[in-house]
């Protein structure tokens, strides 16, 4: 199965025809690789991811990011930098910088800050998607708790987040194991208190009552 092509097909057929970037398709394909063997399994994965971070929202965020980055590239950065350098060489005071230069500098600064903020948002949403992929099959309460904890944390770099993601996966595996072990024996019949004729002795009854 070609996972990338299958993802594109399912997005068209099952998720309102949303068209994601090749980078996003590549990201989802890597997360699904080795975990699904057929289209039904891939669809289940996509439904879980869409529930945590809707594909329509992902597309909207990506489109906005591309538009702002394209707009930032159109700004006359060289001209602004030249004027600033000339001002420094001539030791021109801030109040002596022409109004048009100040406007360009302020506009460039605002655009840079906006792009940086959106890149930060994109990083957070990408990491959230990665976390939810590790919690496939978890209850909504469990997912919400992990995502909430993630929101309180700051990561120095991708390696730090990768370490956190490893803990998320191992903690969830331990949680699943604990839940499985706690359910063992609950449905087993209560045996061993009757004799071959199905009768319970008075001594057994007395022992049970004394332990209540």
C-alpha atoms as a PDB file:
ATOM      1  CA  UNK A   1       0.000   0.000   0.000  1.00  0.00           C
ATOM      2  CA  UNK A   2       1.321   3.448  -0.949  1.00  0.00           C
ATOM      3  CA  UNK A   3       0.634   5.274   2.305  1.00  0.00           C
ATOM      4  CA  UNK A   4       1.042   8.783   0.902  1.00  0.00           C
ATOM      5  CA  UNK A   5      -1.350   8.221  -1.981  1.00  0.00           C
ATOM      6  CA  UNK A   6      -3.816   6.432   0.299  1.00  0.00           C
ATOM      7  CA  UNK A   7      -3.771   9.385   2.710  1.00  0.00           C
ATOM      8  CA  UNK A   8      -4.515  11.804  -0.137  1.00  0.00           C
ATOM      9  CA  UNK A   9      -7.343   9.589  -1.381  1.00  0.00           C
ATOM     10  CA  UNK A  10      -8.903   9.228   2.075  1.00  0.00           C
ATOM     11  CA  UNK A  11      -8.673  12.963   2.741  1.00  0.00           C
ATOM     12  CA  UNK A  12     -10.604  13.554  -0.462  1.00  0.00           C
ATOM     13  CA  UNK A  13     -13.201  10.867   0.215  1.00  0.00           C
ATOM     14  CA  UNK A  14     -13.663  10.951   3.983  1.00  0.00           C
ATOM     15  CA  UNK A  15     -12.591  14.393   5.203  1.00  0.00           C
ATOM     16  CA  UNK A  16     -14.340  16.870   2.951  1.00  0.00           C
ATOM     17  CA  UNK A  17     -11.737  16.875   0.197  1.00  0.00           C
ATOM     18  CA  UNK A  18      -9.203  18.810   2.273  1.00  0.00           C
ATOM     19  CA  UNK A  19      -5.858  19.195   0.479  1.00  0.00           C
ATOM     20  CA  UNK A  20      -2.803  19.230   2.722  1.00  0.00           C
ATOM     21  CA  UNK A  21       0.730  20.161   1.762  1.00  0.00           C
ATOM     22  CA  UNK A  22       3.220  17.506   0.691  1.00  0.00           C
ATOM     23  CA  UNK A  23       5.152  18.167   3.896  1.00  0.00           C
ATOM     24  CA  UNK A  24       2.070  17.360   5.989  1.00  0.00           C
ATOM     25  CA  UNK A  25       1.327  14.230   3.968  1.00  0.00           C
ATOM     26  CA  UNK A  26       4.932  13.137   4.480  1.00  0.00           C
ATOM     27  CA  UNK A  27       4.623  13.748   8.223  1.00  0.00           C
ATOM     28  CA  UNK A  28       1.458  11.664   8.546  1.00  0.00           C
ATOM     29  CA  UNK A  29       2.895   8.907   6.352  1.00  0.00           C
ATOM     30  CA  UNK A  30       5.948   8.579   8.609  1.00  0.00           C
ATOM     31  CA  UNK A  31       3.743   8.382  11.703  1.00  0.00           C
ATOM     32  CA  UNK A  32       1.572   5.680  10.132  1.00  0.00           C
ATOM     33  CA  UNK A  33       4.459   3.682   8.670  1.00  0.00           C
ATOM     34  CA  UNK A  34       4.724   0.238  10.222  1.00  0.00           C
ATOM     35  CA  UNK A  35       1.514   0.735  12.218  1.00  0.00           C
ATOM     36  CA  UNK A  36      -1.108   0.098   9.543  1.00  0.00           C
ATOM     37  CA  UNK A  37      -1.343  -2.654   6.959  1.00  0.00           C
ATOM     38  CA  UNK A  38      -4.501  -1.727   5.062  1.00  0.00           C
ATOM     39  CA  UNK A  39      -6.726   1.197   4.177  1.00  0.00           C
ATOM     40  CA  UNK A  40      -9.149   0.506   7.035  1.00  0.00           C
ATOM     41  CA  UNK A  41      -6.355   0.787   9.568  1.00  0.00           C
ATOM     42  CA  UNK A  42      -5.067   3.967   7.931  1.00  0.00           C
ATOM     43  CA  UNK A  43      -8.554   5.480   8.006  1.00  0.00           C
ATOM     44  CA  UNK A  44      -8.824   4.766  11.736  1.00  0.00           C
ATOM     45  CA  UNK A  45      -5.494   6.546  12.259  1.00  0.00           C
ATOM     46  CA  UNK A  46      -6.607   9.570  10.257  1.00  0.00           C
ATOM     47  CA  UNK A  47      -9.891   9.784  12.158  1.00  0.00           C
ATOM     48  CA  UNK A  48      -8.018   9.798  15.473  1.00  0.00           C
ATOM     49  CA  UNK A  49      -5.622  12.516  14.279  1.00  0.00           C
ATOM     50  CA  UNK A  50      -8.471  14.591  12.853  1.00  0.00           C
ATOM     51  CA  UNK A  51     -10.283  14.413  16.181  1.00  0.00           C
ATOM     52  CA  UNK A  52      -7.260  15.768  18.025  1.00  0.00           C
ATOM     53  CA  UNK A  53      -6.266  18.425  15.461  1.00  0.00           C
ATOM     54  CA  UNK A  54      -8.754  18.832  12.562  1.00  0.00           C
ATOM     55  CA  UNK A  55      -7.251  18.637   9.078  1.00  0.00           C
ATOM     56  CA  UNK A  56      -9.173  21.751   8.036  1.00  0.00           C
ATOM     57  CA  UNK A  57      -7.466  23.695  10.826  1.00  0.00           C
ATOM     58  CA  UNK A  58      -4.064  22.320   9.809  1.00  0.00           C
ATOM     59  CA  UNK A  59      -4.645  23.471   6.217  1.00  0.00           C
ATOM     60  CA  UNK A  60      -5.749  26.920   7.355  1.00  0.00           C
ATOM     61  CA  UNK A  61      -2.699  27.350   9.609  1.00  0.00           C
ATOM     62  CA  UNK A  62      -0.311  26.159   6.892  1.00  0.00           C
ATOM     63  CA  UNK A  63      -1.861  28.467   4.279  1.00  0.00           C
ATOM     64  CA  UNK A  64      -1.592  31.441   6.622  1.00  0.00           C
ATOM     65  CA  UNK A  65       2.045  30.644   7.373  1.00  0.00           C
ATOM     66  CA  UNK A  66       2.938  30.407   3.672  1.00  0.00           C
ATOM     67  CA  UNK A  67       1.190  33.708   2.904  1.00  0.00           C
ATOM     68  CA  UNK A  68       3.011  35.582   5.649  1.00  0.00           C
ATOM     69  CA  UNK A  69       6.375  34.110   4.705  1.00  0.00           C
ATOM     70  CA  UNK A  70       5.812  35.093   1.062  1.00  0.00           C
ATOM     71  CA  UNK A  71       4.806  38.607   2.095  1.00  0.00           C
ATOM     72  CA  UNK A  72       7.879  38.930   4.321  1.00  0.00           C
ATOM     73  CA  UNK A  73      10.145  38.009   1.393  1.00  0.00           C
ATOM     74  CA  UNK A  74       8.660  40.824  -0.681  1.00  0.00           C
ATOM     75  CA  UNK A  75       9.662  43.477   1.872  1.00  0.00           C
ATOM     76  CA  UNK A  76      12.622  45.672   0.822  1.00  0.00           C
ATOM     77  CA  UNK A  77      14.910  44.299   3.520  1.00  0.00           C
ATOM     78  CA  UNK A  78      18.126  45.366   1.755  1.00  0.00           C
ATOM     79  CA  UNK A  79      17.008  48.970   1.479  1.00  0.00           C
ATOM     80  CA  UNK A  80      16.071  49.149   5.153  1.00  0.00           C
ATOM     81  CA  UNK A  81      19.346  47.561   6.224  1.00  0.00           C
ATOM     82  CA  UNK A  82      21.306  49.980   4.025  1.00  0.00           C
ATOM     83  CA  UNK A  83      19.646  52.995   5.553  1.00  0.00           C
ATOM     84  CA  UNK A  84      20.218  51.633   9.070  1.00  0.00           C
ATOM     85  CA  UNK A  85      23.894  50.978   8.327  1.00  0.00           C
ATOM     86  CA  UNK A  86      24.281  54.480   6.895  1.00  0.00           C
ATOM     87  CA  UNK A  87      22.683  55.893  10.010  1.00  0.00           C
ATOM     88  CA  UNK A  88      25.120  53.982  12.207  1.00  0.00           C
ATOM     89  CA  UNK A  89      28.146  55.120  10.210  1.00  0.00           C
ATOM     90  CA  UNK A  90      27.065  58.731  10.419  1.00  0.00           C
ATOM     91  CA  UNK A  91      26.084  58.288  14.074  1.00  0.00           C
ATOM     92  CA  UNK A  92      22.654  59.621  13.341  1.00  0.00           C
ATOM     93  CA  UNK A  93      20.401  59.820  16.362  1.00  0.00           C
ATOM     94  CA  UNK A  94      17.070  58.013  16.398  1.00  0.00           C
ATOM     95  CA  UNK A  95      15.096  61.225  16.201  1.00  0.00           C
ATOM     96  CA  UNK A  96      17.032  62.189  13.063  1.00  0.00           C
ATOM     97  CA  UNK A  97      16.095  59.040  11.104  1.00  0.00           C
ATOM     98  CA  UNK A  98      13.629  59.928   8.328  1.00  0.00           C
ATOM     99  CA  UNK A  99      10.002  59.023   8.936  1.00  0.00           C
ATOM    100  CA  UNK A 100       9.883  56.750   5.899  1.00  0.00           C
ATOM    101  CA  UNK A 101      12.868  54.753   7.225  1.00  0.00           C
ATOM    102  CA  UNK A 102      11.277  54.402  10.651  1.00  0.00           C
ATOM    103  CA  UNK A 103       8.070  53.142   9.037  1.00  0.00           C
ATOM    104  CA  UNK A 104       9.952  50.536   7.012  1.00  0.00           C
ATOM    105  CA  UNK A 105      11.970  49.409  10.030  1.00  0.00           C
ATOM    106  CA  UNK A 106       8.882  49.153  12.229  1.00  0.00           C
ATOM    107  CA  UNK A 107       6.966  47.312   9.503  1.00  0.00           C
ATOM    108  CA  UNK A 108       9.779  44.823   8.990  1.00  0.00           C
ATOM    109  CA  UNK A 109      10.084  44.263  12.732  1.00  0.00           C
ATOM    110  CA  UNK A 110       6.334  43.636  13.064  1.00  0.00           C
ATOM    111  CA  UNK A 111       6.379  41.206  10.141  1.00  0.00           C
ATOM    112  CA  UNK A 112       9.359  39.327  11.579  1.00  0.00           C
ATOM    113  CA  UNK A 113       7.645  39.049  14.952  1.00  0.00           C
ATOM    114  CA  UNK A 114       4.428  37.806  13.315  1.00  0.00           C
ATOM    115  CA  UNK A 115       6.246  35.139  11.287  1.00  0.00           C
ATOM    116  CA  UNK A 116       8.174  34.031  14.376  1.00  0.00           C
ATOM    117  CA  UNK A 117       4.955  33.758  16.372  1.00  0.00           C
ATOM    118  CA  UNK A 118       3.281  31.676  13.648  1.00  0.00           C
ATOM    119  CA  UNK A 119       6.302  29.406  13.393  1.00  0.00           C
ATOM    120  CA  UNK A 120       5.990  28.889  17.149  1.00  0.00           C
ATOM    121  CA  UNK A 121       2.308  28.023  16.772  1.00  0.00           C
ATOM    122  CA  UNK A 122       3.105  25.584  13.970  1.00  0.00           C
ATOM    123  CA  UNK A 123       5.772  23.904  16.101  1.00  0.00           C
ATOM    124  CA  UNK A 124       3.293  23.480  18.962  1.00  0.00           C
ATOM    125  CA  UNK A 125       0.601  22.004  16.708  1.00  0.00           C
ATOM    126  CA  UNK A 126       3.105  19.653  15.054  1.00  0.00           C
ATOM    127  CA  UNK A 127       4.239  18.408  18.463  1.00  0.00           C
ATOM    128  CA  UNK A 128       0.642  18.017  19.615  1.00  0.00           C
ATOM    129  CA  UNK A 129      -0.059  15.871  16.548  1.00  0.00           C
ATOM    130  CA  UNK A 130       2.969  13.707  17.367  1.00  0.00           C
ATOM    131  CA  UNK A 131       1.766  13.255  20.955  1.00  0.00           C
ATOM    132  CA  UNK A 132      -1.755  12.234  19.910  1.00  0.00           C
ATOM    133  CA  UNK A 133      -0.272   9.732  17.471  1.00  0.00           C
ATOM    134  CA  UNK A 134       1.449   8.028  20.427  1.00  0.00           C
ATOM    135  CA  UNK A 135      -1.868   7.871  22.300  1.00  0.00           C
ATOM    136  CA  UNK A 136      -3.809   6.015  19.626  1.00  0.00           C
ATOM    137  CA  UNK A 137      -6.602   4.113  21.387  1.00  0.00           C
ATOM    138  CA  UNK A 138      -6.385   6.086  24.640  1.00  0.00           C
ATOM    139  CA  UNK A 139      -9.482   7.515  26.269  1.00  0.00           C
ATOM    140  CA  UNK A 140     -10.331  11.162  25.676  1.00  0.00           C
ATOM    141  CA  UNK A 141      -9.677  11.936  29.364  1.00  0.00           C
ATOM    142  CA  UNK A 142      -6.204  10.412  29.182  1.00  0.00           C
ATOM    143  CA  UNK A 143      -5.389  12.283  25.954  1.00  0.00           C
ATOM    144  CA  UNK A 144      -6.633  15.554  27.435  1.00  0.00           C
ATOM    145  CA  UNK A 145      -4.435  15.137  30.518  1.00  0.00           C
ATOM    146  CA  UNK A 146      -1.288  14.458  28.479  1.00  0.00           C
ATOM    147  CA  UNK A 147      -1.942  17.383  26.129  1.00  0.00           C
ATOM    148  CA  UNK A 148      -2.636  19.625  29.135  1.00  0.00           C
ATOM    149  CA  UNK A 149       0.663  18.606  30.743  1.00  0.00           C
ATOM    150  CA  UNK A 150       2.421  19.291  27.429  1.00  0.00           C
ATOM    151  CA  UNK A 151       1.002  22.805  27.431  1.00  0.00           C
ATOM    152  CA  UNK A 152       2.750  23.592  30.723  1.00  0.00           C
ATOM    153  CA  UNK A 153       6.195  22.534  29.474  1.00  0.00           C
ATOM    154  CA  UNK A 154       9.010  24.320  27.674  1.00  0.00           C
ATOM    155  CA  UNK A 155      11.535  22.406  25.578  1.00  0.00           C
ATOM    156  CA  UNK A 156      15.049  23.671  24.917  1.00  0.00           C
ATOM    157  CA  UNK A 157      15.193  21.885  21.556  1.00  0.00           C
ATOM    158  CA  UNK A 158      13.788  19.007  19.509  1.00  0.00           C
ATOM    159  CA  UNK A 159      15.884  16.500  21.444  1.00  0.00           C
ATOM    160  CA  UNK A 160      14.221  17.556  24.689  1.00  0.00           C
ATOM    161  CA  UNK A 161      10.788  17.154  23.108  1.00  0.00           C
ATOM    162  CA  UNK A 162      11.805  13.783  21.682  1.00  0.00           C
ATOM    163  CA  UNK A 163      12.704  12.637  25.197  1.00  0.00           C
ATOM    164  CA  UNK A 164       9.312  13.828  26.461  1.00  0.00           C
ATOM    165  CA  UNK A 165       7.571  12.014  23.591  1.00  0.00           C
ATOM    166  CA  UNK A 166       9.384   8.816  24.581  1.00  0.00           C
ATOM    167  CA  UNK A 167       8.060   9.188  28.126  1.00  0.00           C
ATOM    168  CA  UNK A 168       4.543   9.729  26.778  1.00  0.00           C
ATOM    169  CA  UNK A 169       4.745   6.474  24.844  1.00  0.00           C
ATOM    170  CA  UNK A 170       6.226   4.434  27.726  1.00  0.00           C
ATOM    171  CA  UNK A 171       3.814   5.912  30.285  1.00  0.00           C
ATOM    172  CA  UNK A 172       0.849   5.063  28.084  1.00  0.00           C
ATOM    173  CA  UNK A 173       2.120   1.505  27.590  1.00  0.00           C
ATOM    174  CA  UNK A 174       2.446   1.142  31.367  1.00  0.00           C
ATOM    175  CA  UNK A 175      -1.052   2.572  31.820  1.00  0.00           C
ATOM    176  CA  UNK A 176      -2.519   0.050  29.370  1.00  0.00           C
ATOM    177  CA  UNK A 177      -0.698  -2.797  31.150  1.00  0.00           C
ATOM    178  CA  UNK A 178      -1.950  -1.653  34.549  1.00  0.00           C
ATOM    179  CA  UNK A 179      -5.521  -1.433  33.278  1.00  0.00           C
ATOM    180  CA  UNK A 180      -5.266  -4.928  31.815  1.00  0.00           C
ATOM    181  CA  UNK A 181      -3.852  -6.413  35.019  1.00  0.00           C
ATOM    182  CA  UNK A 182      -6.449  -4.729  37.212  1.00  0.00           C
ATOM    183  CA  UNK A 183      -9.251  -6.335  35.196  1.00  0.00           C
ATOM    184  CA  UNK A 184      -7.870  -9.882  35.500  1.00  0.00           C
ATOM    185  CA  UNK A 185      -9.954 -12.211  37.637  1.00  0.00           C
ATOM    186  CA  UNK A 186     -12.936  -9.915  38.007  1.00  0.00           C
ATOM    187  CA  UNK A 187     -15.119 -12.172  35.880  1.00  0.00           C
ATOM    188  CA  UNK A 188     -13.798 -15.487  37.252  1.00  0.00           C
ATOM    189  CA  UNK A 189     -16.325 -17.690  39.124  1.00  0.00           C
ATOM    190  CA  UNK A 190     -15.999 -18.012  42.889  1.00  0.00           C
ATOM    191  CA  UNK A 191     -14.831 -21.614  43.381  1.00  0.00           C
ATOM    192  CA  UNK A 192     -13.622 -23.869  46.156  1.00  0.00           C
ATOM    193  CA  UNK A 193     -16.184 -23.472  48.956  1.00  0.00           C
ATOM    194  CA  UNK A 194     -18.568 -26.343  48.121  1.00  0.00           C
ATOM    195  CA  UNK A 195     -18.048 -30.088  48.303  1.00  0.00           C
ATOM    196  CA  UNK A 196     -18.541 -32.665  45.553  1.00  0.00           C
ATOM    197  CA  UNK A 197     -22.318 -32.578  46.147  1.00  0.00           C
ATOM    198  CA  UNK A 198     -22.449 -28.820  45.791  1.00  0.00           C
ATOM    199  CA  UNK A 199     -23.052 -28.329  49.529  1.00  0.00           C
ATOM    200  CA  UNK A 200     -21.258 -25.728  51.636  1.00  0.00           C
ATOM    201  CA  UNK A 201     -20.169 -26.904  55.064  1.00  0.00           C
ATOM    202  CA  UNK A 202     -21.103 -25.091  58.272  1.00  0.00           C
ATOM    203  CA  UNK A 203     -17.403 -24.558  58.993  1.00  0.00           C
ATOM    204  CA  UNK A 204     -16.922 -22.817  55.659  1.00  0.00           C
ATOM    205  CA  UNK A 205     -19.942 -20.604  56.252  1.00  0.00           C
ATOM    206  CA  UNK A 206     -18.670 -19.703  59.743  1.00  0.00           C
ATOM    207  CA  UNK A 207     -15.237 -18.865  58.306  1.00  0.00           C
ATOM    208  CA  UNK A 208     -16.727 -16.592  55.664  1.00  0.00           C
ATOM    209  CA  UNK A 209     -18.986 -14.809  58.133  1.00  0.00           C
ATOM    210  CA  UNK A 210     -16.146 -14.293  60.629  1.00  0.00           C
ATOM    211  CA  UNK A 211     -14.091 -12.533  57.939  1.00  0.00           C
ATOM    212  CA  UNK A 212     -16.857 -10.099  56.945  1.00  0.00           C
END
